[in-house]
Amino acid sequence: MFADPQDRLSLTAIAQNAAHGKWRTEAMRSHQTPRLIFVAKGQGRITVAGLTRGFGANNLIFLPPKTMYGFECGPTVYGQMLTIPQAMASEWPLEPVHLRLRDVVAQKDLAVHLDALERELKSTQPGSDRAAHYQLGLLAIYFERQLDAHEDDGPDTRHETASARLVAAYTDLIEHHFRESRGVSDYAAMLGVTPTHLTRCCKQTSGKSALDLLKDRVLFEARLMLRDSSLPVRQVADDLGFGSAAYFTRAFQAKTGQTPTSFRKKGPLSVA
């Protein structure tokens, strides 16, 4: 498996990532460790485990490990993405969470936590790495308290519908098997439904077809491997379950408008 280069504690500006291409935010992907997204301003839509919803300013979105997601990031959106290392994953929820911080005090408290964490991450002082992890622990406590406070708002039940549960299970299967050259019909059979029903549910919850979600995930991984590794194109194709390098090249070019080789020539860029 290709190692995710961004599994260490870090804080990345979303606007910075989006500047390198929409695929860095919009394409379906996942990570080996949790992520916390803070949207400071702007609005858009995010798809988490196949369920699309809107986001706006002062939104906090938590993504557990191996949760498939992608989000629209227009020019007015600014925020930060926090990479939570595996050693501290147990301090965070097991399921995705989307919080809308309406309380001004909570918004200010979050700014203080993020500023303190960012300051330690950029510091060259002795013990700054340890201090950054302590700040992350305090942020985890803040998040836990916000979860408790938001229970009064009532739960978001959209993810509890039969369609949302099916699509969430589908995206989970994709994460486990997307390297195995399986088609939508294979996944539908694993889920005990027809491909038509699976696609209908995907369209209903995310606006994308089942095939679009699958292709998007596979080709994001392809771009990641091409950009951040020196593996030959034929090896990337083989690792992702394509029958041949030529078939991979056609699929990649149809999605991105570039051949794998021309995409790679643009040089390595890390992915948040």
C-alpha atoms as a PDB file:
ATOM      1  CA  MET A   1       0.000   0.000   0.000  1.00  0.00           C
ATOM      2  CA  PHE A   2       1.247   3.487  -0.879  1.00  0.00           C
ATOM      3  CA  ALA A   3       2.030   5.363   2.342  1.00  0.00           C
ATOM      4  CA  ASP A   4       0.183   8.587   3.033  1.00  0.00           C
ATOM      5  CA  PRO A   5       2.903  11.263   3.373  1.00  0.00           C
ATOM      6  CA  GLN A   6       0.723  13.454   5.566  1.00  0.00           C
ATOM      7  CA  ASP A   7       0.079  11.304   8.637  1.00  0.00           C
ATOM      8  CA  ARG A   8       2.200  13.377  10.998  1.00  0.00           C
ATOM      9  CA  LEU A   9       0.735  16.199  13.090  1.00  0.00           C
ATOM     10  CA  SER A  10       0.306  19.177  10.769  1.00  0.00           C
ATOM     11  CA  LEU A  11      -1.982  22.111  10.010  1.00  0.00           C
ATOM     12  CA  THR A  12      -2.539  23.022   6.349  1.00  0.00           C
ATOM     13  CA  ALA A  13      -4.458  25.905   4.803  1.00  0.00           C
ATOM     14  CA  ILE A  14      -7.304  24.626   2.629  1.00  0.00           C
ATOM     15  CA  ALA A  15      -6.889  27.537   0.215  1.00  0.00           C
ATOM     16  CA  GLN A  16      -3.248  26.533  -0.295  1.00  0.00           C
ATOM     17  CA  ASN A  17      -4.265  23.012  -1.218  1.00  0.00           C
ATOM     18  CA  ALA A  18      -7.009  24.136  -3.591  1.00  0.00           C
ATOM     19  CA  ALA A  19      -4.577  26.402  -5.424  1.00  0.00           C
ATOM     20  CA  HIS A  20      -2.754  23.306  -6.694  1.00  0.00           C
ATOM     21  CA  GLY A  21      -5.845  21.949  -8.450  1.00  0.00           C
ATOM     22  CA  LYS A  22      -9.459  21.092  -7.679  1.00  0.00           C
ATOM     23  CA  TRP A  23      -8.605  17.395  -7.509  1.00  0.00           C
ATOM     24  CA  ARG A  24      -6.757  18.066  -4.243  1.00  0.00           C
ATOM     25  CA  THR A  25     -10.031  18.916  -2.538  1.00  0.00           C
ATOM     26  CA  GLU A  26     -12.930  17.657  -4.672  1.00  0.00           C
ATOM     27  CA  ALA A  27     -11.775  14.149  -5.602  1.00  0.00           C
ATOM     28  CA  MET A  28     -12.820  11.320  -3.304  1.00  0.00           C
ATOM     29  CA  ARG A  29      -9.989  10.235  -1.018  1.00  0.00           C
ATOM     30  CA  SER A  30      -9.258   8.988   2.493  1.00  0.00           C
ATOM     31  CA  HIS A  31      -6.369   8.930   4.949  1.00  0.00           C
ATOM     32  CA  GLN A  32      -4.858   6.403   7.321  1.00  0.00           C
ATOM     33  CA  THR A  33      -5.263   8.804  10.257  1.00  0.00           C
ATOM     34  CA  PRO A  34      -8.033  11.268  11.276  1.00  0.00           C
ATOM     35  CA  ARG A  35      -8.519  14.750   9.868  1.00  0.00           C
ATOM     36  CA  LEU A  36     -10.248  17.800  11.334  1.00  0.00           C
ATOM     37  CA  ILE A  37     -11.397  20.472   8.895  1.00  0.00           C
ATOM     38  CA  PHE A  38     -12.164  23.984  10.126  1.00  0.00           C
ATOM     39  CA  VAL A  39     -13.942  26.317   7.700  1.00  0.00           C
ATOM     40  CA  ALA A  40     -13.291  29.906   8.788  1.00  0.00           C
ATOM     41  CA  LYS A  41     -15.159  31.636   5.958  1.00  0.00           C
ATOM     42  CA  GLY A  42     -17.026  30.868   2.762  1.00  0.00           C
ATOM     43  CA  GLN A  43     -19.439  28.089   1.969  1.00  0.00           C
ATOM     44  CA  GLY A  44     -19.666  25.004  -0.174  1.00  0.00           C
ATOM     45  CA  ARG A  45     -20.505  21.315  -0.057  1.00  0.00           C
ATOM     46  CA  ILE A  46     -18.690  18.316   1.370  1.00  0.00           C
ATOM     47  CA  THR A  47     -19.305  14.640   0.680  1.00  0.00           C
ATOM     48  CA  VAL A  48     -18.445  12.302   3.563  1.00  0.00           C
ATOM     49  CA  ALA A  49     -19.006   8.543   3.193  1.00  0.00           C
ATOM     50  CA  GLY A  50     -21.229   9.257   0.193  1.00  0.00           C
ATOM     51  CA  LEU A  51     -23.466  11.824   1.910  1.00  0.00           C
ATOM     52  CA  THR A  52     -23.282  15.403   0.627  1.00  0.00           C
ATOM     53  CA  ARG A  53     -24.188  18.366   2.791  1.00  0.00           C
ATOM     54  CA  GLY A  54     -23.483  22.092   2.852  1.00  0.00           C
ATOM     55  CA  PHE A  55     -20.881  23.804   5.002  1.00  0.00           C
ATOM     56  CA  GLY A  56     -20.322  27.418   5.942  1.00  0.00           C
ATOM     57  CA  ALA A  57     -18.232  29.654   8.132  1.00  0.00           C
ATOM     58  CA  ASN A  58     -17.301  28.377  11.607  1.00  0.00           C
ATOM     59  CA  ASN A  59     -17.914  24.745  10.709  1.00  0.00           C
ATOM     60  CA  LEU A  60     -15.855  21.901  12.168  1.00  0.00           C
ATOM     61  CA  ILE A  61     -15.809  18.593  10.278  1.00  0.00           C
ATOM     62  CA  PHE A  62     -14.142  15.524  11.753  1.00  0.00           C
ATOM     63  CA  LEU A  63     -13.146  12.620   9.521  1.00  0.00           C
ATOM     64  CA  PRO A  64     -12.147   9.267  11.067  1.00  0.00           C
ATOM     65  CA  PRO A  65      -9.434   7.183   9.399  1.00  0.00           C
ATOM     66  CA  LYS A  66     -10.286   5.605   6.023  1.00  0.00           C
ATOM     67  CA  THR A  67     -13.421   7.713   5.600  1.00  0.00           C
ATOM     68  CA  MET A  68     -13.960   8.631   1.955  1.00  0.00           C
ATOM     69  CA  TYR A  69     -14.575  12.335   1.411  1.00  0.00           C
ATOM     70  CA  GLY A  70     -14.182  15.266  -0.961  1.00  0.00           C
ATOM     71  CA  PHE A  71     -15.344  18.872  -0.844  1.00  0.00           C
ATOM     72  CA  GLU A  72     -15.971  21.846  -3.093  1.00  0.00           C
ATOM     73  CA  CYS A  73     -13.608  24.677  -2.281  1.00  0.00           C
ATOM     74  CA  GLY A  74     -14.395  27.920  -4.106  1.00  0.00           C
ATOM     75  CA  PRO A  75     -12.267  31.084  -4.086  1.00  0.00           C
ATOM     76  CA  THR A  76     -14.106  32.520  -1.069  1.00  0.00           C
ATOM     77  CA  VAL A  77     -13.500  29.488   1.150  1.00  0.00           C
ATOM     78  CA  TYR A  78     -10.712  29.628   3.673  1.00  0.00           C
ATOM     79  CA  GLY A  79     -10.004  27.155   6.405  1.00  0.00           C
ATOM     80  CA  GLN A  80      -7.498  24.705   7.798  1.00  0.00           C
ATOM     81  CA  MET A  81      -7.076  20.952   7.780  1.00  0.00           C
ATOM     82  CA  LEU A  82      -5.529  19.315  10.826  1.00  0.00           C
ATOM     83  CA  THR A  83      -3.785  15.961  10.465  1.00  0.00           C
ATOM     84  CA  ILE A  84      -4.147  13.952  13.680  1.00  0.00           C
ATOM     85  CA  PRO A  85      -1.405  11.332  14.176  1.00  0.00           C
ATOM     86  CA  GLN A  86      -2.334   7.715  14.800  1.00  0.00           C
ATOM     87  CA  ALA A  87      -0.979   7.844  18.366  1.00  0.00           C
ATOM     88  CA  MET A  88      -3.743  10.315  19.299  1.00  0.00           C
ATOM     89  CA  ALA A  89      -6.592   8.924  17.176  1.00  0.00           C
ATOM     90  CA  SER A  90      -8.212   7.244  20.192  1.00  0.00           C
ATOM     91  CA  GLU A  91      -9.006  10.661  21.693  1.00  0.00           C
ATOM     92  CA  TRP A  92     -11.357  11.485  18.812  1.00  0.00           C
ATOM     93  CA  PRO A  93     -14.773  10.095  17.718  1.00  0.00           C
ATOM     94  CA  LEU A  94     -15.189   6.868  15.769  1.00  0.00           C
ATOM     95  CA  GLU A  95     -17.753   8.364  13.364  1.00  0.00           C
ATOM     96  CA  PRO A  96     -17.735  11.479  11.146  1.00  0.00           C
ATOM     97  CA  VAL A  97     -18.953  14.658  12.868  1.00  0.00           C
ATOM     98  CA  HIS A  98     -20.102  17.970  11.387  1.00  0.00           C
ATOM     99  CA  LEU A  99     -20.468  20.808  13.905  1.00  0.00           C
ATOM    100  CA  ARG A 100     -21.735  24.300  13.170  1.00  0.00           C
ATOM    101  CA  LEU A 101     -20.301  26.650  15.802  1.00  0.00           C
ATOM    102  CA  ARG A 102     -22.905  29.341  16.321  1.00  0.00           C
ATOM    103  CA  ASP A 103     -21.733  30.460  19.759  1.00  0.00           C
ATOM    104  CA  VAL A 104     -19.246  33.359  19.585  1.00  0.00           C
ATOM    105  CA  VAL A 105     -17.400  32.190  22.697  1.00  0.00           C
ATOM    106  CA  ALA A 106     -16.916  28.730  21.172  1.00  0.00           C
ATOM    107  CA  GLN A 107     -15.614  30.324  17.980  1.00  0.00           C
ATOM    108  CA  LYS A 108     -13.089  32.405  19.922  1.00  0.00           C
ATOM    109  CA  ASP A 109     -11.989  29.422  22.002  1.00  0.00           C
ATOM    110  CA  LEU A 110     -11.354  27.423  18.837  1.00  0.00           C
ATOM    111  CA  ALA A 111      -9.252  30.257  17.390  1.00  0.00           C
ATOM    112  CA  VAL A 112      -7.141  30.276  20.560  1.00  0.00           C
ATOM    113  CA  HIS A 113      -6.570  26.488  20.355  1.00  0.00           C
ATOM    114  CA  LEU A 114      -5.640  26.564  16.671  1.00  0.00           C
ATOM    115  CA  ASP A 115      -3.341  29.565  17.078  1.00  0.00           C
ATOM    116  CA  ALA A 116      -1.521  27.903  19.973  1.00  0.00           C
ATOM    117  CA  LEU A 117      -1.137  24.672  18.026  1.00  0.00           C
ATOM    118  CA  GLU A 118       0.108  26.449  14.913  1.00  0.00           C
ATOM    119  CA  ARG A 119       2.580  28.471  16.964  1.00  0.00           C
ATOM    120  CA  GLU A 120       4.134  25.318  18.409  1.00  0.00           C
ATOM    121  CA  LEU A 121       4.224  23.602  15.022  1.00  0.00           C
ATOM    122  CA  LYS A 122       6.212  26.521  13.610  1.00  0.00           C
ATOM    123  CA  SER A 123       8.432  26.967  16.673  1.00  0.00           C
ATOM    124  CA  THR A 124      12.103  26.000  16.792  1.00  0.00           C
ATOM    125  CA  GLN A 125      12.182  26.124  20.589  1.00  0.00           C
ATOM    126  CA  PRO A 126      13.159  22.987  22.546  1.00  0.00           C
ATOM    127  CA  GLY A 127      10.137  20.779  23.261  1.00  0.00           C
ATOM    128  CA  SER A 128       7.966  22.389  20.575  1.00  0.00           C
ATOM    129  CA  ASP A 129       6.987  19.005  19.097  1.00  0.00           C
ATOM    130  CA  ARG A 130       5.840  17.775  22.490  1.00  0.00           C
ATOM    131  CA  ALA A 131       4.045  21.061  23.168  1.00  0.00           C
ATOM    132  CA  ALA A 132       2.221  20.770  19.821  1.00  0.00           C
ATOM    133  CA  HIS A 133       0.925  17.333  20.803  1.00  0.00           C
ATOM    134  CA  TYR A 134      -0.208  18.691  24.176  1.00  0.00           C
ATOM    135  CA  GLN A 135      -2.071  21.458  22.330  1.00  0.00           C
ATOM    136  CA  LEU A 136      -3.695  18.806  20.147  1.00  0.00           C
ATOM    137  CA  GLY A 137      -4.852  17.042  23.318  1.00  0.00           C
ATOM    138  CA  LEU A 138      -6.460  20.253  24.547  1.00  0.00           C
ATOM    139  CA  LEU A 139      -8.139  20.657  21.163  1.00  0.00           C
ATOM    140  CA  ALA A 140      -9.534  17.118  21.467  1.00  0.00           C
ATOM    141  CA  ILE A 141     -11.063  18.050  24.830  1.00  0.00           C
ATOM    142  CA  TYR A 142     -12.520  21.225  23.294  1.00  0.00           C
ATOM    143  CA  PHE A 143     -14.062  19.138  20.499  1.00  0.00           C
ATOM    144  CA  GLU A 144     -15.522  16.656  22.980  1.00  0.00           C
ATOM    145  CA  ARG A 145     -17.140  19.505  24.910  1.00  0.00           C
ATOM    146  CA  GLN A 146     -18.585  20.968  21.725  1.00  0.00           C
ATOM    147  CA  LEU A 147     -20.066  17.590  20.854  1.00  0.00           C
ATOM    148  CA  ASP A 148     -21.750  17.515  24.249  1.00  0.00           C
ATOM    149  CA  ALA A 149     -23.030  21.085  23.843  1.00  0.00           C
ATOM    150  CA  HIS A 150     -24.453  20.359  20.381  1.00  0.00           C
ATOM    151  CA  GLU A 151     -26.550  17.436  21.592  1.00  0.00           C
ATOM    152  CA  ASP A 152     -29.217  20.009  22.433  1.00  0.00           C
ATOM    153  CA  ASP A 153     -29.464  20.943  18.739  1.00  0.00           C
ATOM    154  CA  GLY A 154     -30.916  17.537  17.939  1.00  0.00           C
ATOM    155  CA  PRO A 155     -29.176  14.885  15.847  1.00  0.00           C
ATOM    156  CA  ASP A 156     -28.746  15.095  12.089  1.00  0.00           C
ATOM    157  CA  THR A 157     -30.700  12.032  10.981  1.00  0.00           C
ATOM    158  CA  ARG A 158     -29.906  12.208   7.250  1.00  0.00           C
ATOM    159  CA  HIS A 159     -27.194   9.588   7.632  1.00  0.00           C
ATOM    160  CA  GLU A 160     -29.719   7.217   9.217  1.00  0.00           C
ATOM    161  CA  THR A 161     -31.819   6.748   6.069  1.00  0.00           C
ATOM    162  CA  ALA A 162     -31.617   3.417   4.256  1.00  0.00           C
ATOM    163  CA  SER A 163     -30.019   5.072   1.225  1.00  0.00           C
ATOM    164  CA  ALA A 164     -27.354   6.831   3.290  1.00  0.00           C
ATOM    165  CA  ARG A 165     -26.528   3.632   5.171  1.00  0.00           C
ATOM    166  CA  LEU A 166     -26.186   1.706   1.923  1.00  0.00           C
ATOM    167  CA  VAL A 167     -23.944   4.322   0.325  1.00  0.00           C
ATOM    168  CA  ALA A 168     -21.816   4.595   3.477  1.00  0.00           C
ATOM    169  CA  ALA A 169     -21.335   0.827   3.350  1.00  0.00           C
ATOM    170  CA  TYR A 170     -20.463   1.118  -0.352  1.00  0.00           C
ATOM    171  CA  THR A 171     -17.795   3.767   0.273  1.00  0.00           C
ATOM    172  CA  ASP A 172     -16.394   1.639   3.075  1.00  0.00           C
ATOM    173  CA  LEU A 173     -16.096  -1.316   0.707  1.00  0.00           C
ATOM    174  CA  ILE A 174     -14.414   0.911  -1.875  1.00  0.00           C
ATOM    175  CA  GLU A 175     -11.796   1.865   0.704  1.00  0.00           C
ATOM    176  CA  HIS A 176     -11.034  -1.794   1.360  1.00  0.00           C
ATOM    177  CA  HIS A 177     -11.113  -3.049  -2.245  1.00  0.00           C
ATOM    178  CA  PHE A 178     -10.501  -0.201  -4.730  1.00  0.00           C
ATOM    179  CA  ARG A 179      -7.144  -1.722  -5.751  1.00  0.00           C
ATOM    180  CA  GLU A 180      -8.764  -4.997  -6.805  1.00  0.00           C
ATOM    181  CA  SER A 181     -10.291  -4.082 -10.168  1.00  0.00           C
ATOM    182  CA  ARG A 182     -13.858  -4.582  -8.931  1.00  0.00           C
ATOM    183  CA  GLY A 183     -16.777  -3.005 -10.749  1.00  0.00           C
ATOM    184  CA  VAL A 184     -20.018  -1.509  -9.442  1.00  0.00           C
ATOM    185  CA  SER A 185     -21.810  -4.811 -10.022  1.00  0.00           C
ATOM    186  CA  ASP A 186     -19.268  -6.568  -7.788  1.00  0.00           C
ATOM    187  CA  TYR A 187     -19.833  -4.093  -4.971  1.00  0.00           C
ATOM    188  CA  ALA A 188     -23.606  -4.265  -5.418  1.00  0.00           C
ATOM    189  CA  ALA A 189     -23.455  -8.048  -5.103  1.00  0.00           C
ATOM    190  CA  MET A 190     -21.403  -7.741  -1.921  1.00  0.00           C
ATOM    191  CA  LEU A 191     -24.088  -5.417  -0.535  1.00  0.00           C
ATOM    192  CA  GLY A 192     -26.979  -7.611  -1.661  1.00  0.00           C
ATOM    193  CA  VAL A 193     -28.559  -5.028  -3.979  1.00  0.00           C
ATOM    194  CA  THR A 194     -28.743  -4.432  -7.715  1.00  0.00           C
ATOM    195  CA  PRO A 195     -26.298  -2.032  -9.426  1.00  0.00           C
ATOM    196  CA  THR A 196     -29.271   0.098 -10.466  1.00  0.00           C
ATOM    197  CA  HIS A 197     -30.465   0.465  -6.878  1.00  0.00           C
ATOM    198  CA  LEU A 198     -26.968   1.247  -5.640  1.00  0.00           C
ATOM    199  CA  THR A 199     -26.518   3.935  -8.280  1.00  0.00           C
ATOM    200  CA  ARG A 200     -29.937   5.411  -7.493  1.00  0.00           C
ATOM    201  CA  CYS A 201     -29.015   5.689  -3.801  1.00  0.00           C
ATOM    202  CA  CYS A 202     -25.623   7.221  -4.595  1.00  0.00           C
ATOM    203  CA  LYS A 203     -27.292   9.836  -6.794  1.00  0.00           C
ATOM    204  CA  GLN A 204     -29.796  10.555  -4.044  1.00  0.00           C
ATOM    205  CA  THR A 205     -27.221  11.075  -1.267  1.00  0.00           C
ATOM    206  CA  SER A 206     -24.264  12.553  -3.137  1.00  0.00           C
ATOM    207  CA  GLY A 207     -25.363  13.630  -6.601  1.00  0.00           C
ATOM    208  CA  LYS A 208     -22.817  11.189  -8.076  1.00  0.00           C
ATOM    209  CA  SER A 209     -23.336   7.759  -9.550  1.00  0.00           C
ATOM    210  CA  ALA A 210     -21.845   4.660  -7.953  1.00  0.00           C
ATOM    211  CA  LEU A 211     -19.372   4.448 -10.840  1.00  0.00           C
ATOM    212  CA  ASP A 212     -18.374   8.106 -10.445  1.00  0.00           C
ATOM    213  CA  LEU A 213     -17.601   7.599  -6.755  1.00  0.00           C
ATOM    214  CA  LEU A 214     -15.521   4.508  -7.514  1.00  0.00           C
ATOM    215  CA  LYS A 215     -13.599   6.058 -10.414  1.00  0.00           C
ATOM    216  CA  ASP A 216     -12.996   9.247  -8.461  1.00  0.00           C
ATOM    217  CA  ARG A 217     -11.446   7.323  -5.578  1.00  0.00           C
ATOM    218  CA  VAL A 218      -9.225   5.146  -7.763  1.00  0.00           C
ATOM    219  CA  LEU A 219      -7.962   8.022  -9.885  1.00  0.00           C
ATOM    220  CA  PHE A 220      -7.266  10.209  -6.865  1.00  0.00           C
ATOM    221  CA  GLU A 221      -5.003   7.441  -5.610  1.00  0.00           C
ATOM    222  CA  ALA A 222      -3.407   7.253  -9.043  1.00  0.00           C
ATOM    223  CA  ARG A 223      -2.608  10.972  -8.997  1.00  0.00           C
ATOM    224  CA  LEU A 224      -1.244  10.690  -5.491  1.00  0.00           C
ATOM    225  CA  MET A 225       1.019   7.798  -6.475  1.00  0.00           C
ATOM    226  CA  LEU A 226       2.208   9.528  -9.637  1.00  0.00           C
ATOM    227  CA  ARG A 227       2.873  12.826  -7.888  1.00  0.00           C
ATOM    228  CA  ASP A 228       4.531  11.583  -4.704  1.00  0.00           C
ATOM    229  CA  SER A 229       6.356   8.422  -5.776  1.00  0.00           C
ATOM    230  CA  SER A 230       8.764   7.307  -8.477  1.00  0.00           C
ATOM    231  CA  LEU A 231       6.869   4.120  -9.324  1.00  0.00           C
ATOM    232  CA  PRO A 232       6.702   3.422 -13.074  1.00  0.00           C
ATOM    233  CA  VAL A 233       3.333   4.124 -14.678  1.00  0.00           C
ATOM    234  CA  ARG A 234       2.857   0.435 -15.430  1.00  0.00           C
ATOM    235  CA  GLN A 235       3.408  -0.350 -11.733  1.00  0.00           C
ATOM    236  CA  VAL A 236       0.845   2.266 -10.671  1.00  0.00           C
ATOM    237  CA  ALA A 237      -1.620   0.735 -13.135  1.00  0.00           C
ATOM    238  CA  ASP A 238      -0.962  -2.751 -11.809  1.00  0.00           C
ATOM    239  CA  ASP A 239      -1.201  -1.688  -8.146  1.00  0.00           C
ATOM    240  CA  LEU A 240      -4.610  -0.134  -8.807  1.00  0.00           C
ATOM    241  CA  GLY A 241      -6.033  -3.174 -10.585  1.00  0.00           C
ATOM    242  CA  PHE A 242      -5.938  -1.942 -14.190  1.00  0.00           C
ATOM    243  CA  GLY A 243      -5.511  -4.672 -16.783  1.00  0.00           C
ATOM    244  CA  SER A 244      -2.776  -2.814 -18.632  1.00  0.00           C
ATOM    245  CA  ALA A 245      -0.831   0.450 -18.608  1.00  0.00           C
ATOM    246  CA  ALA A 246      -2.620   1.462 -21.814  1.00  0.00           C
ATOM    247  CA  TYR A 247      -6.061   1.007 -20.236  1.00  0.00           C
ATOM    248  CA  PHE A 248      -4.913   2.975 -17.185  1.00  0.00           C
ATOM    249  CA  THR A 249      -3.606   5.786 -19.396  1.00  0.00           C
ATOM    250  CA  ARG A 250      -6.924   6.034 -21.264  1.00  0.00           C
ATOM    251  CA  ALA A 251      -8.933   6.126 -18.032  1.00  0.00           C
ATOM    252  CA  PHE A 252      -6.586   8.641 -16.431  1.00  0.00           C
ATOM    253  CA  GLN A 253      -6.613  10.935 -19.460  1.00  0.00           C
ATOM    254  CA  ALA A 254     -10.397  10.768 -19.757  1.00  0.00           C
ATOM    255  CA  LYS A 255     -10.704  11.960 -16.138  1.00  0.00           C
ATOM    256  CA  THR A 256      -7.895  14.516 -15.952  1.00  0.00           C
ATOM    257  CA  GLY A 257      -7.233  15.615 -19.534  1.00  0.00           C
ATOM    258  CA  GLN A 258      -3.588  14.582 -19.139  1.00  0.00           C
ATOM    259  CA  THR A 259      -1.570  11.433 -19.565  1.00  0.00           C
ATOM    260  CA  PRO A 260      -0.033   9.975 -16.386  1.00  0.00           C
ATOM    261  CA  THR A 261       3.426  10.965 -17.625  1.00  0.00           C
ATOM    262  CA  SER A 262       2.511  14.595 -18.312  1.00  0.00           C
ATOM    263  CA  PHE A 263       0.745  14.830 -14.955  1.00  0.00           C
ATOM    264  CA  ARG A 264       3.834  13.509 -13.185  1.00  0.00           C
ATOM    265  CA  LYS A 265       6.121  16.051 -14.898  1.00  0.00           C
ATOM    266  CA  LYS A 266       4.489  18.846 -12.934  1.00  0.00           C
ATOM    267  CA  GLY A 267       6.473  17.686  -9.902  1.00  0.00           C
ATOM    268  CA  PRO A 268       5.729  16.347  -6.399  1.00  0.00           C
ATOM    269  CA  LEU A 269       3.274  18.110  -4.131  1.00  0.00           C
ATOM    270  CA  SER A 270       2.081  16.737  -0.823  1.00  0.00           C
ATOM    271  CA  VAL A 271      -1.605  16.083  -0.300  1.00  0.00           C
ATOM    272  CA  ALA A 272      -3.412  17.225   2.830  1.00  0.00           C
END
